[in-house]
Amino acid sequence: MTQGPNGGFVSIFHDTRDVTPFREGHIRTPVRGLTDGLGGALSGVLIGRNAARLSVSGDAPRLRFLASRQSRLMHDAVFGSSDPDRLLSLAREFPGWAGLCYVMSGLLVYKHGGYLRASELLQRGLATRIDDDASQFSAQYLGRVVARVEVAERVEVPVLFSEESVFLALSHCLREMGMMEAALEAVVSLPPSLPSALARCTAAFALGRYRDVVIWTNGLLNTDDLSAALLLIRARAQRARGDFDSAQNALKEVLRRKKTSLALRNDALTDRALLALDQGRFTLTPRSRRPAPPAELESLEVIRKDAEMRRLWENDFRQLGGE
C-alpha cells in the first residue's frame, strides 16, 4: 500500500479499472526463452512480419483512406520497418510529431536490447509535446502495438501501447543501468496494477527499502504468477528485516496455489531453505533449532589457560630455588 491524497492507504497492486492494457505475465526460463524466441520468429514468418519490428496484437491496422503524408510515413516507419533511425528522421522533418517519434523509436530500441539509448529516447519523447494530428494518429493506429516489458527479474508482461508501457519500459532501462532511484520514480505515479507494483518493489528492494516493500504488499494473495512473484519479493524483504515468521507466511502463500509457475515455486523452496539457515535450523519444524555447543568445547579455553598459568608458576618456583 501507499499513502493516498486523503491520508489513507491505497493498494499498489489491485487495479480497479474495468479494462487494463496488461496481459498475462510470463516467467522467463532458459528453455522458455529459447522456445519463445523461436516461436516468435516462426509466427513472424507465417504472418509476413519481421520479428525485429514492433510487436502487434493481431494484424497491423490498415491506413485510412486519404491519410496525410505524415500519417503515411509514420505508419510505414512503425509497422513496416525495424530501423529506429527512420523514426528519428521523421522527428526532425515534422517537429509536431517528434515526441511520438522518439517514444516509438525508444520502444523499438528497447525491444532490441539497447537500454541506454532507449532510456534517452523515451525520456526525450515524454518531455516533448506533440500536436493534435500526432495525438490522433496515436489513438487510431498505435493501440495494437505490444511492448514486452520486464517488470521484475525473469518476469515479463506484454503491455498494449499506453502511458504504462512507456514508463515501465523506461523503468526497466534505468534498472539495467543501475539507476534504481530514477527507476523507482518512473513508476511511482502509475495507476495501481500488479506489473507496476512489481517494477516498483523490485527497485525499492534493490535500494534496501525493505519496510516500504512490506507496506506496499500488505494483504496480497497468490492469484496468478505476477502476484506470486510479488510475494517472493515481499518474503525476501521480510527476511532481510529479520521478520522470519512473516517471510515464512509469504512463502507459504506462494506455494499454496498449485498452478503457480514451476520456476516461482522453485524460488520459493530455495528461499525457505535460506530462511531455515538464517534461523539456525536444519528444517523449519519447531524442534529443529541448531543445538548449542558442547560444554567440553566451552571449557577447553579455560583448561588451556590453567595449564599455562601452572607452567609459568613452576618456572618461577624453580628460579627461586636456584634450579
C-alpha atoms as a PDB file:
ATOM      1  CA  MET A   1       0.000   0.000   0.000  1.00  0.00           C
ATOM      2  CA  THR A   2       0.962   3.605  -0.392  1.00  0.00           C
ATOM      3  CA  GLN A   3      -0.146   6.871   1.116  1.00  0.00           C
ATOM      4  CA  GLY A   4      -3.157   8.351  -0.666  1.00  0.00           C
ATOM      5  CA  PRO A   5      -4.015  12.037  -1.177  1.00  0.00           C
ATOM      6  CA  ASN A   6      -6.555  11.985   1.649  1.00  0.00           C
ATOM      7  CA  GLY A   7      -4.116  10.479   4.145  1.00  0.00           C
ATOM      8  CA  GLY A   8      -5.385   6.895   3.760  1.00  0.00           C
ATOM      9  CA  PHE A   9      -3.591   3.936   2.230  1.00  0.00           C
ATOM     10  CA  VAL A  10      -4.142   2.819  -1.365  1.00  0.00           C
ATOM     11  CA  SER A  11      -3.161  -0.600  -2.686  1.00  0.00           C
ATOM     12  CA  ILE A  12      -0.470  -0.513  -5.374  1.00  0.00           C
ATOM     13  CA  PHE A  13      -1.299  -3.950  -6.813  1.00  0.00           C
ATOM     14  CA  HIS A  14      -5.102  -4.007  -7.011  1.00  0.00           C
ATOM     15  CA  ASP A  15      -6.206  -2.399 -10.301  1.00  0.00           C
ATOM     16  CA  THR A  16      -9.759  -1.017 -10.071  1.00  0.00           C
ATOM     17  CA  ARG A  17     -10.104  -0.289 -13.801  1.00  0.00           C
ATOM     18  CA  ASP A  18     -12.506  -2.417 -15.849  1.00  0.00           C
ATOM     19  CA  VAL A  19     -10.085  -2.775 -18.764  1.00  0.00           C
ATOM     20  CA  THR A  20      -6.302  -2.641 -18.393  1.00  0.00           C
ATOM     21  CA  PRO A  21      -3.575  -2.632 -21.064  1.00  0.00           C
ATOM     22  CA  PHE A  22      -1.833  -5.586 -19.423  1.00  0.00           C
ATOM     23  CA  ARG A  23      -1.902  -9.203 -20.472  1.00  0.00           C
ATOM     24  CA  GLU A  24      -0.911 -12.443 -18.777  1.00  0.00           C
ATOM     25  CA  GLY A  25       2.628 -12.330 -17.451  1.00  0.00           C
ATOM     26  CA  HIS A  26       5.383 -14.747 -18.457  1.00  0.00           C
ATOM     27  CA  ILE A  27       8.098 -16.219 -16.253  1.00  0.00           C
ATOM     28  CA  ARG A  28      11.253 -16.459 -18.347  1.00  0.00           C
ATOM     29  CA  THR A  29      13.442 -19.542 -18.079  1.00  0.00           C
ATOM     30  CA  PRO A  30      16.370 -20.530 -20.354  1.00  0.00           C
ATOM     31  CA  VAL A  31      14.252 -23.150 -22.154  1.00  0.00           C
ATOM     32  CA  ARG A  32      11.176 -20.965 -22.365  1.00  0.00           C
ATOM     33  CA  GLY A  33      13.202 -18.010 -23.589  1.00  0.00           C
ATOM     34  CA  LEU A  34      14.585 -20.153 -26.406  1.00  0.00           C
ATOM     35  CA  THR A  35      11.177 -21.517 -27.404  1.00  0.00           C
ATOM     36  CA  ASP A  36       9.528 -18.102 -27.174  1.00  0.00           C
ATOM     37  CA  GLY A  37      12.151 -16.623 -29.454  1.00  0.00           C
ATOM     38  CA  LEU A  38      11.815 -19.481 -31.930  1.00  0.00           C
ATOM     39  CA  GLY A  39       8.022 -19.288 -31.783  1.00  0.00           C
ATOM     40  CA  GLY A  40       8.082 -15.558 -32.363  1.00  0.00           C
ATOM     41  CA  ALA A  41      10.352 -15.965 -35.366  1.00  0.00           C
ATOM     42  CA  LEU A  42       8.151 -18.694 -36.860  1.00  0.00           C
ATOM     43  CA  SER A  43       4.947 -16.738 -36.308  1.00  0.00           C
ATOM     44  CA  GLY A  44       6.602 -13.668 -37.827  1.00  0.00           C
ATOM     45  CA  VAL A  45       7.495 -15.652 -40.955  1.00  0.00           C
ATOM     46  CA  LEU A  46       3.996 -17.147 -41.210  1.00  0.00           C
ATOM     47  CA  ILE A  47       2.213 -13.812 -40.992  1.00  0.00           C
ATOM     48  CA  GLY A  48       4.796 -11.980 -43.090  1.00  0.00           C
ATOM     49  CA  ARG A  49       6.253  -9.793 -40.321  1.00  0.00           C
ATOM     50  CA  ASN A  50       9.835  -9.243 -39.279  1.00  0.00           C
ATOM     51  CA  ALA A  51      10.497 -10.308 -35.665  1.00  0.00           C
ATOM     52  CA  ALA A  52      12.745  -7.235 -35.204  1.00  0.00           C
ATOM     53  CA  ARG A  53       9.810  -4.876 -35.731  1.00  0.00           C
ATOM     54  CA  LEU A  54       7.437  -3.688 -33.051  1.00  0.00           C
ATOM     55  CA  SER A  55       5.021  -6.432 -31.992  1.00  0.00           C
ATOM     56  CA  VAL A  56       1.353  -6.002 -32.859  1.00  0.00           C
ATOM     57  CA  SER A  57      -1.701  -7.693 -31.395  1.00  0.00           C
ATOM     58  CA  GLY A  58      -3.268  -9.307 -34.443  1.00  0.00           C
ATOM     59  CA  ASP A  59      -2.761  -7.698 -37.836  1.00  0.00           C
ATOM     60  CA  ALA A  60      -1.249  -4.263 -38.294  1.00  0.00           C
ATOM     61  CA  PRO A  61      -4.013  -1.639 -38.632  1.00  0.00           C
ATOM     62  CA  ARG A  62      -4.664  -0.551 -42.199  1.00  0.00           C
ATOM     63  CA  LEU A  63      -4.044   3.051 -43.117  1.00  0.00           C
ATOM     64  CA  ARG A  64      -7.208   5.052 -43.640  1.00  0.00           C
ATOM     65  CA  PHE A  65      -8.192   6.465 -46.997  1.00  0.00           C
ATOM     66  CA  LEU A  66      -6.795   9.920 -47.848  1.00  0.00           C
ATOM     67  CA  ALA A  67      -4.392   9.893 -44.897  1.00  0.00           C
ATOM     68  CA  SER A  68      -1.928  12.752 -44.621  1.00  0.00           C
ATOM     69  CA  ARG A  69       1.689  12.419 -45.710  1.00  0.00           C
ATOM     70  CA  GLN A  70       2.861  12.468 -42.102  1.00  0.00           C
ATOM     71  CA  SER A  71       0.481   9.630 -41.240  1.00  0.00           C
ATOM     72  CA  ARG A  72       1.627   7.518 -44.196  1.00  0.00           C
ATOM     73  CA  LEU A  73       5.294   7.932 -43.380  1.00  0.00           C
ATOM     74  CA  MET A  74       4.728   7.324 -39.675  1.00  0.00           C
ATOM     75  CA  HIS A  75       2.601   4.221 -40.363  1.00  0.00           C
ATOM     76  CA  ASP A  76       5.291   2.744 -42.596  1.00  0.00           C
ATOM     77  CA  ALA A  77       8.063   3.541 -40.075  1.00  0.00           C
ATOM     78  CA  VAL A  78       6.179   1.962 -37.145  1.00  0.00           C
ATOM     79  CA  PHE A  79       4.644  -1.133 -38.777  1.00  0.00           C
ATOM     80  CA  GLY A  80       6.906  -1.708 -41.783  1.00  0.00           C
ATOM     81  CA  SER A  81      10.428  -1.076 -40.502  1.00  0.00           C
ATOM     82  CA  SER A  82      12.787  -2.267 -37.791  1.00  0.00           C
ATOM     83  CA  ASP A  83      15.114   0.740 -38.074  1.00  0.00           C
ATOM     84  CA  PRO A  84      14.636   3.336 -35.293  1.00  0.00           C
ATOM     85  CA  ASP A  85      16.592   5.905 -37.325  1.00  0.00           C
ATOM     86  CA  ARG A  86      13.662   6.235 -39.714  1.00  0.00           C
ATOM     87  CA  LEU A  87      11.529   7.468 -36.845  1.00  0.00           C
ATOM     88  CA  LEU A  88      14.262   9.872 -35.774  1.00  0.00           C
ATOM     89  CA  SER A  89      14.445  11.340 -39.285  1.00  0.00           C
ATOM     90  CA  LEU A  90      10.672  11.881 -39.179  1.00  0.00           C
ATOM     91  CA  ALA A  91      11.105  13.655 -35.842  1.00  0.00           C
ATOM     92  CA  ARG A  92      13.455  16.142 -37.483  1.00  0.00           C
ATOM     93  CA  GLU A  93      11.193  16.584 -40.503  1.00  0.00           C
ATOM     94  CA  PHE A  94       7.937  17.013 -38.572  1.00  0.00           C
ATOM     95  CA  PRO A  95       8.581  18.758 -35.214  1.00  0.00           C
ATOM     96  CA  GLY A  96       4.943  18.363 -34.161  1.00  0.00           C
ATOM     97  CA  TRP A  97       5.355  14.587 -34.346  1.00  0.00           C
ATOM     98  CA  ALA A  98       8.779  14.496 -32.698  1.00  0.00           C
ATOM     99  CA  GLY A  99       7.592  13.383 -29.257  1.00  0.00           C
ATOM    100  CA  LEU A 100       5.677  10.410 -30.689  1.00  0.00           C
ATOM    101  CA  CYS A 101       8.596   9.511 -32.964  1.00  0.00           C
ATOM    102  CA  TYR A 102      11.022   9.498 -30.028  1.00  0.00           C
ATOM    103  CA  VAL A 103       8.722   7.274 -27.935  1.00  0.00           C
ATOM    104  CA  MET A 104       8.155   4.728 -30.713  1.00  0.00           C
ATOM    105  CA  SER A 105      11.844   4.624 -31.619  1.00  0.00           C
ATOM    106  CA  GLY A 106      12.633   4.172 -27.906  1.00  0.00           C
ATOM    107  CA  LEU A 107      10.275   1.188 -27.673  1.00  0.00           C
ATOM    108  CA  LEU A 108      11.856  -0.288 -30.809  1.00  0.00           C
ATOM    109  CA  VAL A 109      15.382   0.135 -29.422  1.00  0.00           C
ATOM    110  CA  TYR A 110      14.166  -1.342 -26.098  1.00  0.00           C
ATOM    111  CA  LYS A 111      12.969  -4.429 -27.936  1.00  0.00           C
ATOM    112  CA  HIS A 112      16.437  -4.748 -29.488  1.00  0.00           C
ATOM    113  CA  GLY A 113      18.059  -4.568 -26.031  1.00  0.00           C
ATOM    114  CA  GLY A 114      19.657  -1.108 -26.259  1.00  0.00           C
ATOM    115  CA  TYR A 115      18.749   0.093 -22.767  1.00  0.00           C
ATOM    116  CA  LEU A 116      20.906   3.235 -22.653  1.00  0.00           C
ATOM    117  CA  ARG A 117      19.714   4.608 -25.984  1.00  0.00           C
ATOM    118  CA  ALA A 118      16.132   3.514 -25.287  1.00  0.00           C
ATOM    119  CA  SER A 119      16.081   5.371 -21.967  1.00  0.00           C
ATOM    120  CA  GLU A 120      17.341   8.546 -23.643  1.00  0.00           C
ATOM    121  CA  LEU A 121      14.734   8.335 -26.420  1.00  0.00           C
ATOM    122  CA  LEU A 122      11.842   7.525 -24.085  1.00  0.00           C
ATOM    123  CA  GLN A 123      12.694  10.365 -21.713  1.00  0.00           C
ATOM    124  CA  ARG A 124      13.047  12.808 -24.588  1.00  0.00           C
ATOM    125  CA  GLY A 125       9.747  11.653 -26.074  1.00  0.00           C
ATOM    126  CA  LEU A 126       7.930  12.061 -22.777  1.00  0.00           C
ATOM    127  CA  ALA A 127       9.304  15.582 -22.403  1.00  0.00           C
ATOM    128  CA  THR A 128       8.318  16.654 -25.969  1.00  0.00           C
ATOM    129  CA  ARG A 129       4.790  17.827 -26.651  1.00  0.00           C
ATOM    130  CA  ILE A 130       3.022  16.573 -29.806  1.00  0.00           C
ATOM    131  CA  ASP A 131       0.390  18.269 -31.926  1.00  0.00           C
ATOM    132  CA  ASP A 132      -3.209  17.195 -32.464  1.00  0.00           C
ATOM    133  CA  ASP A 133      -2.514  15.246 -35.671  1.00  0.00           C
ATOM    134  CA  ALA A 134       0.116  13.108 -33.960  1.00  0.00           C
ATOM    135  CA  SER A 135      -2.193  12.537 -30.998  1.00  0.00           C
ATOM    136  CA  GLN A 136      -4.998  11.465 -33.331  1.00  0.00           C
ATOM    137  CA  PHE A 137      -2.655   9.082 -35.163  1.00  0.00           C
ATOM    138  CA  SER A 138      -1.625   7.540 -31.847  1.00  0.00           C
ATOM    139  CA  ALA A 139      -5.252   6.951 -30.846  1.00  0.00           C
ATOM    140  CA  GLN A 140      -6.208   5.473 -34.236  1.00  0.00           C
ATOM    141  CA  TYR A 141      -3.267   3.194 -35.041  1.00  0.00           C
ATOM    142  CA  LEU A 142      -0.997   2.537 -32.076  1.00  0.00           C
ATOM    143  CA  GLY A 143      -3.489   0.826 -29.754  1.00  0.00           C
ATOM    144  CA  ARG A 144      -2.451  -2.609 -31.072  1.00  0.00           C
ATOM    145  CA  VAL A 145       1.282  -2.157 -30.520  1.00  0.00           C
ATOM    146  CA  VAL A 146       2.506  -4.529 -27.795  1.00  0.00           C
ATOM    147  CA  ALA A 147       5.625  -3.946 -25.702  1.00  0.00           C
ATOM    148  CA  ARG A 148       7.032  -6.952 -23.851  1.00  0.00           C
ATOM    149  CA  VAL A 149       8.382  -5.335 -20.678  1.00  0.00           C
ATOM    150  CA  GLU A 150      10.442  -6.948 -17.908  1.00  0.00           C
ATOM    151  CA  VAL A 151       8.912  -5.708 -14.657  1.00  0.00           C
ATOM    152  CA  ALA A 152      10.983  -7.929 -12.338  1.00  0.00           C
ATOM    153  CA  GLU A 153      13.735 -10.487 -12.608  1.00  0.00           C
ATOM    154  CA  ARG A 154      12.618 -13.071 -15.226  1.00  0.00           C
ATOM    155  CA  VAL A 155       9.042 -11.698 -15.183  1.00  0.00           C
ATOM    156  CA  GLU A 156       7.832 -10.206 -18.464  1.00  0.00           C
ATOM    157  CA  VAL A 157       4.451  -8.652 -19.206  1.00  0.00           C
ATOM    158  CA  PRO A 158       3.043  -7.855 -22.674  1.00  0.00           C
ATOM    159  CA  VAL A 159       1.593  -4.329 -22.435  1.00  0.00           C
ATOM    160  CA  LEU A 160      -0.509  -2.595 -25.061  1.00  0.00           C
ATOM    161  CA  PHE A 161       0.787   0.824 -26.068  1.00  0.00           C
ATOM    162  CA  SER A 162      -0.075   3.288 -23.341  1.00  0.00           C
ATOM    163  CA  GLU A 163       1.485   5.536 -20.746  1.00  0.00           C
ATOM    164  CA  GLU A 164       2.178   2.455 -18.631  1.00  0.00           C
ATOM    165  CA  SER A 165       4.057   0.613 -21.365  1.00  0.00           C
ATOM    166  CA  VAL A 166       6.366   3.606 -21.874  1.00  0.00           C
ATOM    167  CA  PHE A 167       7.057   4.195 -18.167  1.00  0.00           C
ATOM    168  CA  LEU A 168       7.511   0.504 -17.400  1.00  0.00           C
ATOM    169  CA  ALA A 169       9.974   0.139 -20.269  1.00  0.00           C
ATOM    170  CA  LEU A 170      11.796   3.268 -19.065  1.00  0.00           C
ATOM    171  CA  SER A 171      11.949   1.910 -15.518  1.00  0.00           C
ATOM    172  CA  HIS A 172      13.454  -1.363 -16.742  1.00  0.00           C
ATOM    173  CA  CYS A 173      16.072   0.519 -18.788  1.00  0.00           C
ATOM    174  CA  LEU A 174      17.059   2.555 -15.737  1.00  0.00           C
ATOM    175  CA  ARG A 175      17.287  -0.596 -13.585  1.00  0.00           C
ATOM    176  CA  GLU A 176      19.581  -2.218 -16.127  1.00  0.00           C
ATOM    177  CA  MET A 177      21.775   0.896 -15.979  1.00  0.00           C
ATOM    178  CA  GLY A 178      21.921   0.762 -12.156  1.00  0.00           C
ATOM    179  CA  MET A 179      19.861   3.939 -11.677  1.00  0.00           C
ATOM    180  CA  MET A 180      17.483   2.495  -9.091  1.00  0.00           C
ATOM    181  CA  GLU A 181      16.233   5.787  -7.664  1.00  0.00           C
ATOM    182  CA  ALA A 182      15.240   7.026 -11.125  1.00  0.00           C
ATOM    183  CA  ALA A 183      13.675   3.642 -11.937  1.00  0.00           C
ATOM    184  CA  LEU A 184      11.513   3.879  -8.826  1.00  0.00           C
ATOM    185  CA  GLU A 185      10.465   7.446  -9.610  1.00  0.00           C
ATOM    186  CA  ALA A 186       9.418   6.399 -13.128  1.00  0.00           C
ATOM    187  CA  VAL A 187       6.688   4.055 -11.855  1.00  0.00           C
ATOM    188  CA  VAL A 188       5.552   5.785  -8.654  1.00  0.00           C
ATOM    189  CA  SER A 189       2.873   7.827 -10.435  1.00  0.00           C
ATOM    190  CA  LEU A 190       1.421   4.933 -12.459  1.00  0.00           C
ATOM    191  CA  PRO A 191      -2.094   3.633 -11.647  1.00  0.00           C
ATOM    192  CA  PRO A 192      -2.239   0.614  -9.303  1.00  0.00           C
ATOM    193  CA  SER A 193      -1.586  -2.708 -11.023  1.00  0.00           C
ATOM    194  CA  LEU A 194       0.452  -5.849 -10.489  1.00  0.00           C
ATOM    195  CA  PRO A 195       3.031  -5.034 -13.214  1.00  0.00           C
ATOM    196  CA  SER A 196       3.678  -1.533 -11.882  1.00  0.00           C
ATOM    197  CA  ALA A 197       3.781  -2.904  -8.312  1.00  0.00           C
ATOM    198  CA  LEU A 198       6.391  -5.460  -9.374  1.00  0.00           C
ATOM    199  CA  ALA A 199       8.544  -2.806 -11.029  1.00  0.00           C
ATOM    200  CA  ARG A 200       8.141  -0.544  -8.015  1.00  0.00           C
ATOM    201  CA  CYS A 201       9.008  -3.169  -5.403  1.00  0.00           C
ATOM    202  CA  THR A 202      11.923  -4.502  -7.465  1.00  0.00           C
ATOM    203  CA  ALA A 203      13.552  -1.078  -7.493  1.00  0.00           C
ATOM    204  CA  ALA A 204      12.744  -0.431  -3.817  1.00  0.00           C
ATOM    205  CA  PHE A 205      14.203  -3.799  -2.772  1.00  0.00           C
ATOM    206  CA  ALA A 206      17.410  -3.063  -4.679  1.00  0.00           C
ATOM    207  CA  LEU A 207      17.632   0.229  -2.782  1.00  0.00           C
ATOM    208  CA  GLY A 208      17.259  -1.541   0.570  1.00  0.00           C
ATOM    209  CA  ARG A 209      13.840  -0.023   1.275  1.00  0.00           C
ATOM    210  CA  TYR A 210      12.511  -3.256   2.763  1.00  0.00           C
ATOM    211  CA  ARG A 211       9.943  -1.590   5.007  1.00  0.00           C
ATOM    212  CA  ASP A 212       8.314   0.115   2.025  1.00  0.00           C
ATOM    213  CA  VAL A 213       8.111  -3.190   0.150  1.00  0.00           C
ATOM    214  CA  VAL A 214       6.374  -4.835   3.112  1.00  0.00           C
ATOM    215  CA  ILE A 215       3.881  -1.963   3.476  1.00  0.00           C
ATOM    216  CA  TRP A 216       3.106  -1.821  -0.243  1.00  0.00           C
ATOM    217  CA  THR A 217       2.402  -5.568  -0.478  1.00  0.00           C
ATOM    218  CA  ASN A 218       0.314  -5.905   2.680  1.00  0.00           C
ATOM    219  CA  GLY A 219      -2.754  -8.089   2.103  1.00  0.00           C
ATOM    220  CA  LEU A 220      -1.508  -9.593  -1.172  1.00  0.00           C
ATOM    221  CA  LEU A 221      -2.729 -13.087  -2.139  1.00  0.00           C
ATOM    222  CA  ASN A 222      -1.412 -15.516  -4.742  1.00  0.00           C
ATOM    223  CA  THR A 223      -3.950 -15.220  -7.577  1.00  0.00           C
ATOM    224  CA  ASP A 224      -1.602 -15.532 -10.564  1.00  0.00           C
ATOM    225  CA  ASP A 225       2.084 -15.686 -11.413  1.00  0.00           C
ATOM    226  CA  LEU A 226       2.521 -11.917 -11.147  1.00  0.00           C
ATOM    227  CA  SER A 227       1.179 -11.845  -7.598  1.00  0.00           C
ATOM    228  CA  ALA A 228       3.326 -14.883  -6.738  1.00  0.00           C
ATOM    229  CA  ALA A 229       6.435 -13.053  -7.983  1.00  0.00           C
ATOM    230  CA  LEU A 230       5.450 -10.032  -5.892  1.00  0.00           C
ATOM    231  CA  LEU A 231       5.015 -12.259  -2.839  1.00  0.00           C
ATOM    232  CA  LEU A 232       8.555 -13.568  -3.345  1.00  0.00           C
ATOM    233  CA  ILE A 233       9.889 -10.013  -3.195  1.00  0.00           C
ATOM    234  CA  ARG A 234       7.810  -9.432  -0.055  1.00  0.00           C
ATOM    235  CA  ALA A 235       9.222 -12.561   1.588  1.00  0.00           C
ATOM    236  CA  ARG A 236      12.792 -11.520   0.786  1.00  0.00           C
ATOM    237  CA  ALA A 237      12.190  -8.048   2.196  1.00  0.00           C
ATOM    238  CA  GLN A 238      10.791  -9.528   5.431  1.00  0.00           C
ATOM    239  CA  ARG A 239      13.725 -11.926   5.668  1.00  0.00           C
ATOM    240  CA  ALA A 240      16.146  -9.003   5.265  1.00  0.00           C
ATOM    241  CA  ARG A 241      14.352  -7.215   8.122  1.00  0.00           C
ATOM    242  CA  GLY A 242      14.599 -10.298  10.342  1.00  0.00           C
ATOM    243  CA  ASP A 243      10.842 -10.973  10.342  1.00  0.00           C
ATOM    244  CA  PHE A 244      11.194 -14.700   9.695  1.00  0.00           C
ATOM    245  CA  ASP A 245       7.630 -15.699  10.599  1.00  0.00           C
ATOM    246  CA  SER A 246       6.072 -13.233   8.159  1.00  0.00           C
ATOM    247  CA  ALA A 247       8.534 -14.289   5.475  1.00  0.00           C
ATOM    248  CA  GLN A 248       7.538 -17.892   6.041  1.00  0.00           C
ATOM    249  CA  ASN A 249       3.849 -16.999   5.665  1.00  0.00           C
ATOM    250  CA  ALA A 250       4.527 -15.189   2.374  1.00  0.00           C
ATOM    251  CA  LEU A 251       6.396 -18.220   1.015  1.00  0.00           C
ATOM    252  CA  LYS A 252       3.535 -20.487   2.078  1.00  0.00           C
ATOM    253  CA  GLU A 253       1.173 -18.296   0.074  1.00  0.00           C
ATOM    254  CA  VAL A 254       3.400 -18.649  -2.990  1.00  0.00           C
ATOM    255  CA  LEU A 255       3.327 -22.451  -2.662  1.00  0.00           C
ATOM    256  CA  ARG A 256      -0.396 -22.599  -1.867  1.00  0.00           C
ATOM    257  CA  ARG A 257      -1.650 -22.233  -5.438  1.00  0.00           C
ATOM    258  CA  LYS A 258      -0.841 -25.435  -7.322  1.00  0.00           C
ATOM    259  CA  LYS A 259      -0.788 -23.778 -10.755  1.00  0.00           C
ATOM    260  CA  THR A 260       1.935 -21.322  -9.787  1.00  0.00           C
ATOM    261  CA  SER A 261       4.823 -21.323 -12.242  1.00  0.00           C
ATOM    262  CA  LEU A 262       7.358 -24.053 -11.504  1.00  0.00           C
ATOM    263  CA  ALA A 263      10.193 -21.519 -11.612  1.00  0.00           C
ATOM    264  CA  LEU A 264       8.497 -19.404  -8.931  1.00  0.00           C
ATOM    265  CA  ARG A 265       7.771 -22.473  -6.787  1.00  0.00           C
ATOM    266  CA  ASN A 266      11.430 -23.489  -7.006  1.00  0.00           C
ATOM    267  CA  ASP A 267      12.457 -19.968  -5.970  1.00  0.00           C
ATOM    268  CA  ALA A 268      10.083 -20.166  -3.017  1.00  0.00           C
ATOM    269  CA  LEU A 269      11.552 -23.513  -1.911  1.00  0.00           C
ATOM    270  CA  THR A 270      15.072 -22.095  -2.187  1.00  0.00           C
ATOM    271  CA  ASP A 271      14.072 -19.085  -0.094  1.00  0.00           C
ATOM    272  CA  ARG A 272      12.573 -21.418   2.523  1.00  0.00           C
ATOM    273  CA  ALA A 273      15.901 -23.239   2.785  1.00  0.00           C
ATOM    274  CA  LEU A 274      17.779 -19.937   3.156  1.00  0.00           C
ATOM    275  CA  LEU A 275      15.238 -18.857   5.746  1.00  0.00           C
ATOM    276  CA  ALA A 276      15.881 -22.017   7.729  1.00  0.00           C
ATOM    277  CA  LEU A 277      19.624 -21.340   7.709  1.00  0.00           C
ATOM    278  CA  ASP A 278      19.063 -17.768   8.894  1.00  0.00           C
ATOM    279  CA  GLN A 279      17.026 -19.099  11.799  1.00  0.00           C
ATOM    280  CA  GLY A 280      19.746 -21.566  12.756  1.00  0.00           C
ATOM    281  CA  ARG A 281      17.663 -24.594  11.835  1.00  0.00           C
ATOM    282  CA  PHE A 282      18.183 -27.675   9.754  1.00  0.00           C
ATOM    283  CA  THR A 283      14.458 -27.700   8.851  1.00  0.00           C
ATOM    284  CA  LEU A 284      11.524 -25.379   9.509  1.00  0.00           C
ATOM    285  CA  THR A 285       9.973 -27.604  12.185  1.00  0.00           C
ATOM    286  CA  PRO A 286       9.717 -26.069  15.698  1.00  0.00           C
ATOM    287  CA  ARG A 287      12.165 -28.594  17.231  1.00  0.00           C
ATOM    288  CA  SER A 288      14.890 -28.203  14.634  1.00  0.00           C
ATOM    289  CA  ARG A 289      16.900 -25.369  16.153  1.00  0.00           C
ATOM    290  CA  ARG A 290      20.645 -25.731  15.965  1.00  0.00           C
ATOM    291  CA  PRO A 291      21.989 -27.345  19.173  1.00  0.00           C
ATOM    292  CA  ALA A 292      24.228 -25.339  21.488  1.00  0.00           C
ATOM    293  CA  PRO A 293      27.987 -26.122  21.533  1.00  0.00           C
ATOM    294  CA  PRO A 294      29.037 -28.905  23.967  1.00  0.00           C
ATOM    295  CA  ALA A 295      30.185 -27.875  27.419  1.00  0.00           C
ATOM    296  CA  GLU A 296      33.577 -29.514  26.814  1.00  0.00           C
ATOM    297  CA  LEU A 297      34.284 -27.123  23.958  1.00  0.00           C
ATOM    298  CA  GLU A 298      33.267 -24.114  26.048  1.00  0.00           C
ATOM    299  CA  SER A 299      35.664 -25.064  28.913  1.00  0.00           C
ATOM    300  CA  LEU A 300      38.561 -26.029  26.632  1.00  0.00           C
ATOM    301  CA  GLU A 301      39.976 -22.494  26.576  1.00  0.00           C
ATOM    302  CA  VAL A 302      39.744 -22.282  30.380  1.00  0.00           C
ATOM    303  CA  ILE A 303      41.674 -25.546  30.786  1.00  0.00           C
ATOM    304  CA  ARG A 304      44.352 -24.295  28.436  1.00  0.00           C
ATOM    305  CA  LYS A 305      44.729 -21.084  30.447  1.00  0.00           C
ATOM    306  CA  ASP A 306      45.044 -23.028  33.760  1.00  0.00           C
ATOM    307  CA  ALA A 307      47.756 -25.240  32.320  1.00  0.00           C
ATOM    308  CA  GLU A 308      49.686 -22.224  31.033  1.00  0.00           C
ATOM    309  CA  MET A 309      49.488 -20.470  34.412  1.00  0.00           C
ATOM    310  CA  ARG A 310      50.723 -23.623  36.210  1.00  0.00           C
ATOM    311  CA  ARG A 311      53.684 -23.923  33.862  1.00  0.00           C
ATOM    312  CA  LEU A 312      54.673 -20.285  34.472  1.00  0.00           C
ATOM    313  CA  TRP A 313      54.346 -20.758  38.284  1.00  0.00           C
ATOM    314  CA  GLU A 314      56.568 -23.827  38.220  1.00  0.00           C
ATOM    315  CA  ASN A 315      59.233 -21.964  36.239  1.00  0.00           C
ATOM    316  CA  ASP A 316      59.192 -19.106  38.751  1.00  0.00           C
ATOM    317  CA  PHE A 317      59.443 -21.539  41.709  1.00  0.00           C
ATOM    318  CA  ARG A 318      62.443 -23.284  40.170  1.00  0.00           C
ATOM    319  CA  GLN A 319      64.222 -19.996  39.625  1.00  0.00           C
ATOM    320  CA  LEU A 320      63.683 -19.038  43.273  1.00  0.00           C
ATOM    321  CA  GLY A 321      65.052 -22.400  44.403  1.00  0.00           C
ATOM    322  CA  GLY A 322      68.213 -21.943  42.329  1.00  0.00           C
ATOM    323  CA  GLU A 323      67.450 -24.709  39.920  1.00  0.00           C
END
